[in-house]
C-alpha atoms as a PDB file:
ATOM      1  CA  UNK A   1     -56.959-127.599  46.256  1.00  0.00           C
ATOM      2  CA  UNK A   2     -57.709-130.725  47.957  1.00  0.00           C
ATOM      3  CA  UNK A   3     -61.061-129.437  49.656  1.00  0.00           C
ATOM      4  CA  UNK A   4     -61.997-128.324  45.601  1.00  0.00           C
ATOM      5  CA  UNK A   5     -61.506-131.585  44.674  1.00  0.00           C
ATOM      6  CA  UNK A   6     -63.412-133.130  47.526  1.00  0.00           C
ATOM      7  CA  UNK A   7     -66.600-130.791  46.616  1.00  0.00           C
ATOM      8  CA  UNK A   8     -66.272-131.604  42.955  1.00  0.00           C
ATOM      9  CA  UNK A   9     -66.977-135.482  44.234  1.00  0.00           C
ATOM     10  CA  UNK A  10     -70.038-134.015  46.023  1.00  0.00           C
ATOM     11  CA  UNK A  11     -70.998-132.307  42.734  1.00  0.00           C
ATOM     12  CA  UNK A  12     -71.275-135.309  41.168  1.00  0.00           C
ATOM     13  CA  UNK A  13     -73.615-136.964  44.046  1.00  0.00           C
ATOM     14  CA  UNK A  14     -71.202-138.338  46.001  1.00  0.00           C
ATOM     15  CA  UNK A  15     -72.522-137.202  49.207  1.00  0.00           C
ATOM     16  CA  UNK A  16     -71.684-138.523  53.065  1.00  0.00           C
ATOM     17  CA  UNK A  17     -73.985-137.634  55.709  1.00  0.00           C
ATOM     18  CA  UNK A  18     -72.926-136.072  58.812  1.00  0.00           C
ATOM     19  CA  UNK A  19     -74.746-137.835  61.644  1.00  0.00           C
ATOM     20  CA  UNK A  20     -75.989-135.632  64.472  1.00  0.00           C
ATOM     21  CA  UNK A  21     -74.649-137.035  66.877  1.00  0.00           C
ATOM     22  CA  UNK A  22     -70.340-138.178  66.324  1.00  0.00           C
ATOM     23  CA  UNK A  23     -69.801-141.677  67.040  1.00  0.00           C
ATOM     24  CA  UNK A  24     -66.351-140.420  68.040  1.00  0.00           C
ATOM     25  CA  UNK A  25     -67.291-138.564  70.985  1.00  0.00           C
ATOM     26  CA  UNK A  26     -70.050-141.098  72.424  1.00  0.00           C
ATOM     27  CA  UNK A  27     -67.093-143.160  72.382  1.00  0.00           C
ATOM     28  CA  UNK A  28     -64.752-140.817  74.489  1.00  0.00           C
ATOM     29  CA  UNK A  29     -67.905-140.336  76.706  1.00  0.00           C
ATOM     30  CA  UNK A  30     -67.230-143.909  77.893  1.00  0.00           C
ATOM     31  CA  UNK A  31     -66.064-144.269  81.215  1.00  0.00           C
ATOM     32  CA  UNK A  32     -63.732-146.666  79.655  1.00  0.00           C
ATOM     33  CA  UNK A  33     -61.819-144.453  77.594  1.00  0.00           C
ATOM     34  CA  UNK A  34     -58.491-143.042  79.267  1.00  0.00           C
ATOM     35  CA  UNK A  35     -57.233-139.812  77.346  1.00  0.00           C
ATOM     36  CA  UNK A  36     -53.582-139.671  76.385  1.00  0.00           C
ATOM     37  CA  UNK A  37     -53.221-136.474  76.506  1.00  0.00           C
ATOM     38  CA  UNK A  38     -49.988-135.486  74.412  1.00  0.00           C
ATOM     39  CA  UNK A  39     -49.645-132.073  72.501  1.00  0.00           C
ATOM     40  CA  UNK A  40     -50.325-133.313  69.252  1.00  0.00           C
ATOM     41  CA  UNK A  41     -52.118-130.762  67.264  1.00  0.00           C
ATOM     42  CA  UNK A  42     -53.492-132.666  64.333  1.00  0.00           C
ATOM     43  CA  UNK A  43     -54.467-135.521  65.903  1.00  0.00           C
ATOM     44  CA  UNK A  44     -56.302-137.043  69.016  1.00  0.00           C
ATOM     45  CA  UNK A  45     -55.206-140.461  70.686  1.00  0.00           C
ATOM     46  CA  UNK A  46     -57.270-142.489  73.229  1.00  0.00           C
ATOM     47  CA  UNK A  47     -56.961-146.081  74.447  1.00  0.00           C
ATOM     48  CA  UNK A  48     -59.940-148.292  75.209  1.00  0.00           C
ATOM     49  CA  UNK A  49     -58.959-151.723  76.795  1.00  0.00           C
ATOM     50  CA  UNK A  50     -56.065-152.849  75.440  1.00  0.00           C
ATOM     51  CA  UNK A  51     -56.857-150.333  71.901  1.00  0.00           C
ATOM     52  CA  UNK A  52     -54.686-147.521  71.208  1.00  0.00           C
ATOM     53  CA  UNK A  53     -57.504-144.798  69.175  1.00  0.00           C
ATOM     54  CA  UNK A  54     -55.747-142.583  66.559  1.00  0.00           C
ATOM     55  CA  UNK A  55     -58.221-140.045  65.080  1.00  0.00           C
ATOM     56  CA  UNK A  56     -57.002-137.810  62.495  1.00  0.00           C
ATOM     57  CA  UNK A  57     -57.941-134.478  63.609  1.00  0.00           C
ATOM     58  CA  UNK A  58     -57.778-131.671  60.569  1.00  0.00           C
ATOM     59  CA  UNK A  59     -61.789-131.450  60.010  1.00  0.00           C
ATOM     60  CA  UNK A  60     -61.492-128.193  58.077  1.00  0.00           C
ATOM     61  CA  UNK A  61     -59.190-129.660  55.108  1.00  0.00           C
ATOM     62  CA  UNK A  62     -61.202-133.193  55.039  1.00  0.00           C
ATOM     63  CA  UNK A  63     -58.085-134.419  57.396  1.00  0.00           C
ATOM     64  CA  UNK A  64     -55.364-133.816  54.723  1.00  0.00           C
ATOM     65  CA  UNK A  65     -52.442-135.534  55.562  1.00  0.00           C
ATOM     66  CA  UNK A  66     -49.685-132.966  56.000  1.00  0.00           C
ATOM     67  CA  UNK A  67     -46.318-133.708  56.908  1.00  0.00           C
ATOM     68  CA  UNK A  68     -46.606-132.456  60.267  1.00  0.00           C
ATOM     69  CA  UNK A  69     -50.121-134.879  60.400  1.00  0.00           C
ATOM     70  CA  UNK A  70     -48.320-137.607  59.617  1.00  0.00           C
ATOM     71  CA  UNK A  71     -45.157-137.259  62.107  1.00  0.00           C
ATOM     72  CA  UNK A  72     -47.700-136.875  65.052  1.00  0.00           C
ATOM     73  CA  UNK A  73     -49.348-140.791  63.781  1.00  0.00           C
ATOM     74  CA  UNK A  74     -46.013-142.331  63.491  1.00  0.00           C
ATOM     75  CA  UNK A  75     -45.374-140.690  66.968  1.00  0.00           C
ATOM     76  CA  UNK A  76     -48.312-142.043  68.318  1.00  0.00           C
ATOM     77  CA  UNK A  77     -47.496-145.410  66.780  1.00  0.00           C
ATOM     78  CA  UNK A  78     -44.636-145.734  68.193  1.00  0.00           C
ATOM     79  CA  UNK A  79     -46.023-144.729  71.766  1.00  0.00           C
ATOM     80  CA  UNK A  80     -48.794-147.461  71.502  1.00  0.00           C
ATOM     81  CA  UNK A  81     -46.356-149.660  69.806  1.00  0.00           C
ATOM     82  CA  UNK A  82     -43.993-149.922  73.006  1.00  0.00           C
ATOM     83  CA  UNK A  83     -46.807-149.559  75.326  1.00  0.00           C
ATOM     84  CA  UNK A  84     -47.371-153.224  77.120  1.00  0.00           C
ATOM     85  CA  UNK A  85     -51.030-152.987  77.659  1.00  0.00           C
ATOM     86  CA  UNK A  86     -51.803-152.040  74.400  1.00  0.00           C
ATOM     87  CA  UNK A  87     -52.611-154.914  71.736  1.00  0.00           C
ATOM     88  CA  UNK A  88     -53.903-153.568  69.157  1.00  0.00           C
ATOM     89  CA  UNK A  89     -54.221-150.117  67.185  1.00  0.00           C
ATOM     90  CA  UNK A  90     -57.440-148.197  65.772  1.00  0.00           C
ATOM     91  CA  UNK A  91     -56.992-145.416  63.123  1.00  0.00           C
ATOM     92  CA  UNK A  92     -60.180-143.118  62.529  1.00  0.00           C
ATOM     93  CA  UNK A  93     -61.175-139.965  61.086  1.00  0.00           C
ATOM     94  CA  UNK A  94     -64.685-138.277  61.683  1.00  0.00           C
ATOM     95  CA  UNK A  95     -68.115-139.472  59.641  1.00  0.00           C
ATOM     96  CA  UNK A  96     -67.276-137.176  56.590  1.00  0.00           C
ATOM     97  CA  UNK A  97     -63.694-138.169  55.507  1.00  0.00           C
ATOM     98  CA  UNK A  98     -61.184-140.710  57.021  1.00  0.00           C
ATOM     99  CA  UNK A  99     -58.906-138.801  55.169  1.00  0.00           C
ATOM    100  CA  UNK A 100     -59.298-137.109  51.445  1.00  0.00           C
ATOM    101  CA  UNK A 101     -55.307-137.381  50.414  1.00  0.00           C
ATOM    102  CA  UNK A 102     -51.899-135.536  50.798  1.00  0.00           C
ATOM    103  CA  UNK A 103     -51.932-131.974  51.639  1.00  0.00           C
ATOM    104  CA  UNK A 104     -51.750-130.727  48.070  1.00  0.00           C
ATOM    105  CA  UNK A 105     -50.485-127.264  49.178  1.00  0.00           C
ATOM    106  CA  UNK A 106     -46.874-129.298  50.358  1.00  0.00           C
ATOM    107  CA  UNK A 107     -46.595-130.038  46.645  1.00  0.00           C
ATOM    108  CA  UNK A 108     -47.421-127.262  45.095  1.00  0.00           C
ATOM    109  CA  UNK A 109     -43.566-126.228  44.431  1.00  0.00           C
ATOM    110  CA  UNK A 110     -42.157-129.208  44.700  1.00  0.00           C
ATOM    111  CA  UNK A 111     -39.836-130.445  42.017  1.00  0.00           C
ATOM    112  CA  UNK A 112     -37.897-133.805  41.215  1.00  0.00           C
ATOM    113  CA  UNK A 113     -34.647-132.913  42.676  1.00  0.00           C
ATOM    114  CA  UNK A 114     -36.101-131.431  45.926  1.00  0.00           C
ATOM    115  CA  UNK A 115     -38.106-135.006  46.231  1.00  0.00           C
ATOM    116  CA  UNK A 116     -35.580-137.058  45.311  1.00  0.00           C
ATOM    117  CA  UNK A 117     -32.926-135.323  47.722  1.00  0.00           C
ATOM    118  CA  UNK A 118     -35.315-135.303  50.863  1.00  0.00           C
ATOM    119  CA  UNK A 119     -37.150-138.897  49.851  1.00  0.00           C
ATOM    120  CA  UNK A 120     -40.801-137.074  49.791  1.00  0.00           C
ATOM    121  CA  UNK A 121     -43.141-139.438  51.571  1.00  0.00           C
ATOM    122  CA  UNK A 122     -40.639-141.881  53.300  1.00  0.00           C
ATOM    123  CA  UNK A 123     -42.239-141.111  56.212  1.00  0.00           C
ATOM    124  CA  UNK A 124     -45.328-142.750  55.363  1.00  0.00           C
ATOM    125  CA  UNK A 125     -43.579-146.249  55.371  1.00  0.00           C
ATOM    126  CA  UNK A 126     -43.414-146.061  58.757  1.00  0.00           C
ATOM    127  CA  UNK A 127     -46.655-147.289  59.537  1.00  0.00           C
ATOM    128  CA  UNK A 128     -45.155-150.546  57.924  1.00  0.00           C
ATOM    129  CA  UNK A 129     -42.704-151.403  60.906  1.00  0.00           C
ATOM    130  CA  UNK A 130     -45.542-151.586  63.456  1.00  0.00           C
ATOM    131  CA  UNK A 131     -45.497-155.200  64.858  1.00  0.00           C
ATOM    132  CA  UNK A 132     -48.918-154.633  66.508  1.00  0.00           C
ATOM    133  CA  UNK A 133     -52.094-155.211  64.248  1.00  0.00           C
ATOM    134  CA  UNK A 134     -53.780-152.130  62.766  1.00  0.00           C
ATOM    135  CA  UNK A 135     -57.266-151.481  61.882  1.00  0.00           C
ATOM    136  CA  UNK A 136     -58.704-148.540  59.767  1.00  0.00           C
ATOM    137  CA  UNK A 137     -61.901-147.028  60.360  1.00  0.00           C
ATOM    138  CA  UNK A 138     -63.293-145.716  57.484  1.00  0.00           C
ATOM    139  CA  UNK A 139     -65.981-143.247  57.086  1.00  0.00           C
ATOM    140  CA  UNK A 140     -66.728-140.870  54.157  1.00  0.00           C
ATOM    141  CA  UNK A 141     -63.608-140.075  51.693  1.00  0.00           C
ATOM    142  CA  UNK A 142     -60.584-142.089  52.028  1.00  0.00           C
ATOM    143  CA  UNK A 143     -58.826-140.316  48.585  1.00  0.00           C
ATOM    144  CA  UNK A 144     -55.358-140.402  47.301  1.00  0.00           C
ATOM    145  CA  UNK A 145     -53.070-140.794  50.328  1.00  0.00           C
ATOM    146  CA  UNK A 146     -56.254-141.584  52.512  1.00  0.00           C
ATOM    147  CA  UNK A 147     -56.953-144.637  50.417  1.00  0.00           C
ATOM    148  CA  UNK A 148     -53.306-145.421  50.510  1.00  0.00           C
ATOM    149  CA  UNK A 149     -52.821-144.570  54.341  1.00  0.00           C
ATOM    150  CA  UNK A 150     -56.112-147.159  54.924  1.00  0.00           C
ATOM    151  CA  UNK A 151     -54.452-149.873  52.859  1.00  0.00           C
ATOM    152  CA  UNK A 152     -51.160-149.451  54.665  1.00  0.00           C
ATOM    153  CA  UNK A 153     -53.439-151.001  57.857  1.00  0.00           C
ATOM    154  CA  UNK A 154     -53.818-154.582  58.262  1.00  0.00           C
ATOM    155  CA  UNK A 155     -57.785-154.275  58.271  1.00  0.00           C
ATOM    156  CA  UNK A 156     -60.615-152.044  57.002  1.00  0.00           C
ATOM    157  CA  UNK A 157     -63.725-151.714  58.248  1.00  0.00           C
ATOM    158  CA  UNK A 158     -65.992-149.223  56.502  1.00  0.00           C
ATOM    159  CA  UNK A 159     -69.165-147.249  56.796  1.00  0.00           C
ATOM    160  CA  UNK A 160     -71.422-147.572  54.361  1.00  0.00           C
ATOM    161  CA  UNK A 161     -71.666-144.559  53.028  1.00  0.00           C
ATOM    162  CA  UNK A 162     -67.522-144.525  52.431  1.00  0.00           C
ATOM    163  CA  UNK A 163     -65.711-143.840  49.356  1.00  0.00           C
ATOM    164  CA  UNK A 164     -62.127-144.833  48.389  1.00  0.00           C
ATOM    165  CA  UNK A 165     -60.272-144.026  45.545  1.00  0.00           C
ATOM    166  CA  UNK A 166     -57.154-143.084  43.716  1.00  0.00           C
ATOM    167  CA  UNK A 167     -57.420-139.558  41.977  1.00  0.00           C
ATOM    168  CA  UNK A 168     -54.068-138.130  41.325  1.00  0.00           C
ATOM    169  CA  UNK A 169     -54.141-138.539  37.972  1.00  0.00           C
ATOM    170  CA  UNK A 170     -56.439-135.943  38.061  1.00  0.00           C
ATOM    171  CA  UNK A 171     -53.939-133.675  39.285  1.00  0.00           C
ATOM    172  CA  UNK A 172     -50.877-134.986  37.198  1.00  0.00           C
ATOM    173  CA  UNK A 173     -49.270-137.285  39.508  1.00  0.00           C
ATOM    174  CA  UNK A 174     -49.508-140.529  40.036  1.00  0.00           C
ATOM    175  CA  UNK A 175     -49.818-142.554  44.146  1.00  0.00           C
ATOM    176  CA  UNK A 176     -47.088-141.821  46.025  1.00  0.00           C
ATOM    177  CA  UNK A 177     -47.547-144.256  48.501  1.00  0.00           C
ATOM    178  CA  UNK A 178     -47.947-147.316  47.624  1.00  0.00           C
ATOM    179  CA  UNK A 179     -51.622-147.205  45.880  1.00  0.00           C
ATOM    180  CA  UNK A 180     -50.497-148.797  42.408  1.00  0.00           C
ATOM    181  CA  UNK A 181     -49.250-151.704  44.218  1.00  0.00           C
ATOM    182  CA  UNK A 182     -51.211-152.446  47.300  1.00  0.00           C
ATOM    183  CA  UNK A 183     -54.493-152.271  45.039  1.00  0.00           C
ATOM    184  CA  UNK A 184     -53.058-154.232  42.623  1.00  0.00           C
ATOM    185  CA  UNK A 185     -52.216-157.400  44.692  1.00  0.00           C
ATOM    186  CA  UNK A 186     -55.491-156.929  46.627  1.00  0.00           C
ATOM    187  CA  UNK A 187     -58.026-156.142  43.660  1.00  0.00           C
ATOM    188  CA  UNK A 188     -56.260-157.241  40.544  1.00  0.00           C
ATOM    189  CA  UNK A 189     -54.585-155.488  37.668  1.00  0.00           C
ATOM    190  CA  UNK A 190     -57.391-154.875  35.544  1.00  0.00           C
ATOM    191  CA  UNK A 191     -59.798-153.397  37.852  1.00  0.00           C
ATOM    192  CA  UNK A 192     -56.632-151.415  39.655  1.00  0.00           C
ATOM    193  CA  UNK A 193     -55.147-150.411  36.338  1.00  0.00           C
ATOM    194  CA  UNK A 194     -59.007-148.917  35.442  1.00  0.00           C
ATOM    195  CA  UNK A 195     -59.031-146.800  39.046  1.00  0.00           C
ATOM    196  CA  UNK A 196     -55.715-145.537  38.948  1.00  0.00           C
ATOM    197  CA  UNK A 197     -55.815-144.438  35.180  1.00  0.00           C
ATOM    198  CA  UNK A 198     -59.238-142.958  35.530  1.00  0.00           C
ATOM    199  CA  UNK A 199     -59.157-141.618  39.273  1.00  0.00           C
ATOM    200  CA  UNK A 200     -63.090-142.666  39.817  1.00  0.00           C
ATOM    201  CA  UNK A 201     -64.180-143.352  43.015  1.00  0.00           C
ATOM    202  CA  UNK A 202     -65.671-146.962  44.481  1.00  0.00           C
ATOM    203  CA  UNK A 203     -68.105-147.704  47.201  1.00  0.00           C
ATOM    204  CA  UNK A 204     -67.648-149.412  50.528  1.00  0.00           C
ATOM    205  CA  UNK A 205     -70.055-151.990  48.928  1.00  0.00           C
ATOM    206  CA  UNK A 206     -67.394-151.967  45.690  1.00  0.00           C
ATOM    207  CA  UNK A 207     -64.580-152.525  48.098  1.00  0.00           C
ATOM    208  CA  UNK A 208     -65.703-155.157  50.223  1.00  0.00           C
ATOM    209  CA  UNK A 209     -66.831-157.562  46.945  1.00  0.00           C
ATOM    210  CA  UNK A 210     -63.508-157.045  45.848  1.00  0.00           C
ATOM    211  CA  UNK A 211     -61.701-158.475  48.955  1.00  0.00           C
ATOM    212  CA  UNK A 212     -60.140-154.221  50.202  1.00  0.00           C
ATOM    213  CA  UNK A 213     -62.594-154.004  52.687  1.00  0.00           C
ATOM    214  CA  UNK A 214     -63.354-156.679  55.487  1.00  0.00           C
ATOM    215  CA  UNK A 215     -66.779-156.021  56.364  1.00  0.00           C
ATOM    216  CA  UNK A 216     -69.341-152.719  55.976  1.00  0.00           C
ATOM    217  CA  UNK A 217     -71.116-151.286  58.698  1.00  0.00           C
ATOM    218  CA  UNK A 218     -73.665-148.136  58.945  1.00  0.00           C
ATOM    219  CA  UNK A 219     -71.965-145.151  59.811  1.00  0.00           C
ATOM    220  CA  UNK A 220     -72.129-144.779  63.800  1.00  0.00           C
ATOM    221  CA  UNK A 221     -71.117-148.461  64.367  1.00  0.00           C
ATOM    222  CA  UNK A 222     -68.023-148.566  62.134  1.00  0.00           C
ATOM    223  CA  UNK A 223     -65.626-147.476  64.984  1.00  0.00           C
ATOM    224  CA  UNK A 224     -67.056-149.334  67.792  1.00  0.00           C
ATOM    225  CA  UNK A 225     -66.750-152.362  65.652  1.00  0.00           C
ATOM    226  CA  UNK A 226     -63.222-151.560  64.787  1.00  0.00           C
ATOM    227  CA  UNK A 227     -62.296-151.181  68.492  1.00  0.00           C
ATOM    228  CA  UNK A 228     -64.145-154.691  69.224  1.00  0.00           C
ATOM    229  CA  UNK A 229     -61.817-156.098  66.424  1.00  0.00           C
ATOM    230  CA  UNK A 230     -58.921-154.602  68.643  1.00  0.00           C
ATOM    231  CA  UNK A 231     -60.004-155.962  71.376  1.00  0.00           C
ATOM    232  CA  UNK A 232     -60.416-159.625  70.047  1.00  0.00           C
ATOM    233  CA  UNK A 233     -57.178-159.408  68.651  1.00  0.00           C
ATOM    234  CA  UNK A 234     -55.481-158.088  71.757  1.00  0.00           C
ATOM    235  CA  UNK A 235     -57.250-160.924  73.900  1.00  0.00           C
ATOM    236  CA  UNK A 236     -54.419-163.274  72.506  1.00  0.00           C
ATOM    237  CA  UNK A 237     -50.934-163.490  73.212  1.00  0.00           C
ATOM    238  CA  UNK A 238     -49.421-160.593  71.532  1.00  0.00           C
ATOM    239  CA  UNK A 239     -46.131-162.456  70.147  1.00  0.00           C
ATOM    240  CA  UNK A 240     -48.510-164.678  68.615  1.00  0.00           C
ATOM    241  CA  UNK A 241     -50.544-162.243  67.138  1.00  0.00           C
ATOM    242  CA  UNK A 242     -47.332-159.961  65.758  1.00  0.00           C
ATOM    243  CA  UNK A 243     -46.202-163.547  64.610  1.00  0.00           C
ATOM    244  CA  UNK A 244     -49.315-164.131  62.719  1.00  0.00           C
ATOM    245  CA  UNK A 245     -49.588-160.636  61.288  1.00  0.00           C
ATOM    246  CA  UNK A 246     -45.889-161.027  60.173  1.00  0.00           C
ATOM    247  CA  UNK A 247     -46.856-164.430  58.585  1.00  0.00           C
ATOM    248  CA  UNK A 248     -49.810-162.834  56.506  1.00  0.00           C
ATOM    249  CA  UNK A 249     -47.877-160.066  55.409  1.00  0.00           C
ATOM    250  CA  UNK A 250     -45.119-162.203  54.088  1.00  0.00           C
ATOM    251  CA  UNK A 251     -47.455-163.800  51.705  1.00  0.00           C
ATOM    252  CA  UNK A 252     -47.422-160.042  49.590  1.00  0.00           C
ATOM    253  CA  UNK A 253     -43.997-160.558  48.887  1.00  0.00           C
ATOM    254  CA  UNK A 254     -42.434-163.783  48.915  1.00  0.00           C
ATOM    255  CA  UNK A 255     -43.524-166.994  46.433  1.00  0.00           C
ATOM    256  CA  UNK A 256     -45.702-169.431  47.626  1.00  0.00           C
ATOM    257  CA  UNK A 257     -42.767-171.954  48.466  1.00  0.00           C
ATOM    258  CA  UNK A 258     -41.221-169.644  50.058  1.00  0.00           C
ATOM    259  CA  UNK A 259     -44.089-168.078  52.229  1.00  0.00           C
ATOM    260  CA  UNK A 260     -44.976-171.206  53.424  1.00  0.00           C
ATOM    261  CA  UNK A 261     -41.145-171.972  54.187  1.00  0.00           C
ATOM    262  CA  UNK A 262     -40.835-168.584  56.316  1.00  0.00           C
ATOM    263  CA  UNK A 263     -44.493-169.717  57.923  1.00  0.00           C
ATOM    264  CA  UNK A 264     -43.113-172.875  59.040  1.00  0.00           C
ATOM    265  CA  UNK A 265     -40.491-171.714  60.722  1.00  0.00           C
ATOM    266  CA  UNK A 266     -42.521-168.939  62.131  1.00  0.00           C
ATOM    267  CA  UNK A 267     -44.469-171.920  63.708  1.00  0.00           C
ATOM    268  CA  UNK A 268     -41.818-174.024  64.899  1.00  0.00           C
ATOM    269  CA  UNK A 269     -40.387-171.098  66.355  1.00  0.00           C
ATOM    270  CA  UNK A 270     -43.680-170.215  68.442  1.00  0.00           C
ATOM    271  CA  UNK A 271     -42.854-173.847  70.356  1.00  0.00           C
ATOM    272  CA  UNK A 272     -40.564-171.643  72.354  1.00  0.00           C
ATOM    273  CA  UNK A 273     -43.182-169.508  73.797  1.00  0.00           C
ATOM    274  CA  UNK A 274     -44.563-170.039  77.497  1.00  0.00           C
ATOM    275  CA  UNK A 275     -47.858-168.652  75.912  1.00  0.00           C
ATOM    276  CA  UNK A 276     -47.598-171.810  73.222  1.00  0.00           C
ATOM    277  CA  UNK A 277     -47.531-174.340  76.351  1.00  0.00           C
ATOM    278  CA  UNK A 278     -50.180-172.186  77.930  1.00  0.00           C
ATOM    279  CA  UNK A 279     -52.541-172.509  75.118  1.00  0.00           C
ATOM    280  CA  UNK A 280     -52.499-176.107  74.719  1.00  0.00           C
ATOM    281  CA  UNK A 281     -52.495-176.356  77.940  1.00  0.00           C
ATOM    282  CA  UNK A 282     -55.930-174.733  78.248  1.00  0.00           C
ATOM    283  CA  UNK A 283     -57.112-176.469  75.192  1.00  0.00           C
ATOM    284  CA  UNK A 284     -56.215-180.068  76.554  1.00  0.00           C
ATOM    285  CA  UNK A 285     -57.739-179.189  79.927  1.00  0.00           C
ATOM    286  CA  UNK A 286     -60.887-177.324  79.021  1.00  0.00           C
ATOM    287  CA  UNK A 287     -60.281-173.944  80.625  1.00  0.00           C
ATOM    288  CA  UNK A 288     -59.138-170.919  79.493  1.00  0.00           C
ATOM    289  CA  UNK A 289     -55.792-169.447  78.638  1.00  0.00           C
ATOM    290  CA  UNK A 290     -54.205-167.001  80.813  1.00  0.00           C
ATOM    291  CA  UNK A 291     -51.322-165.160  78.035  1.00  0.00           C
ATOM    292  CA  UNK A 292     -48.771-163.876  79.592  1.00  0.00           C
ATOM    293  CA  UNK A 293     -47.222-162.547  76.547  1.00  0.00           C
ATOM    294  CA  UNK A 294     -43.806-164.290  76.586  1.00  0.00           C
END
């Protein structure tokens, strides 16, 4: 069903070219890349100069987000979170699809009672507990749960042919992993209502214009640019970067007054860090700061 849905978009003229040479393979051939080589079935993990890379690897299903795949994502996120050599994380798919959504096969016999008792999709929210910045490098389709996964990341970089959407309405459902909430907070009620109730897709250029996507690049450059951004984040004090992420995210849930109070308390607390002292001293003496991450 999922593959049929994606193919229906293709019949509507939504086409995503597959490059002759994979950006992922090119990057993995780079001598700076290190394979972490865990026994994952549905994802690939690599590390590259302080950046952890998670690649969704179910190409035959357009990277459908099965429960098993999501458990592997969560496990990889925890490993990178606990690795002091990693300062940022990138999640990507392939050039045809970041992810075309949840695995519909897992929902065919789902009931309200079972989904409620098992808290169905609860494990999709574990990404929100990661303190390190997460960047989504999106090419191809990011539909349904794939769009929700991208929106769960802190920054979205997209290829110029990427297509986003929340088409759950066409399956007799609504988004169930934050789509109605995150999309509305970013692009506003009217536009979010139009997209969710129609199920139509939108382009990377539209997503950038609305503020959902940070930057749009040629297809072959997206992953490279996302890793470069991750390296930039990782080049600063890790506890300060994580505090900054927490403060920005608080803006989604707090009033302006509460958010400013939260930000001020974080700002004041950072004066206790050695890295804060080092940063100010380096600036005053016109030298490069040497972060110790404490």
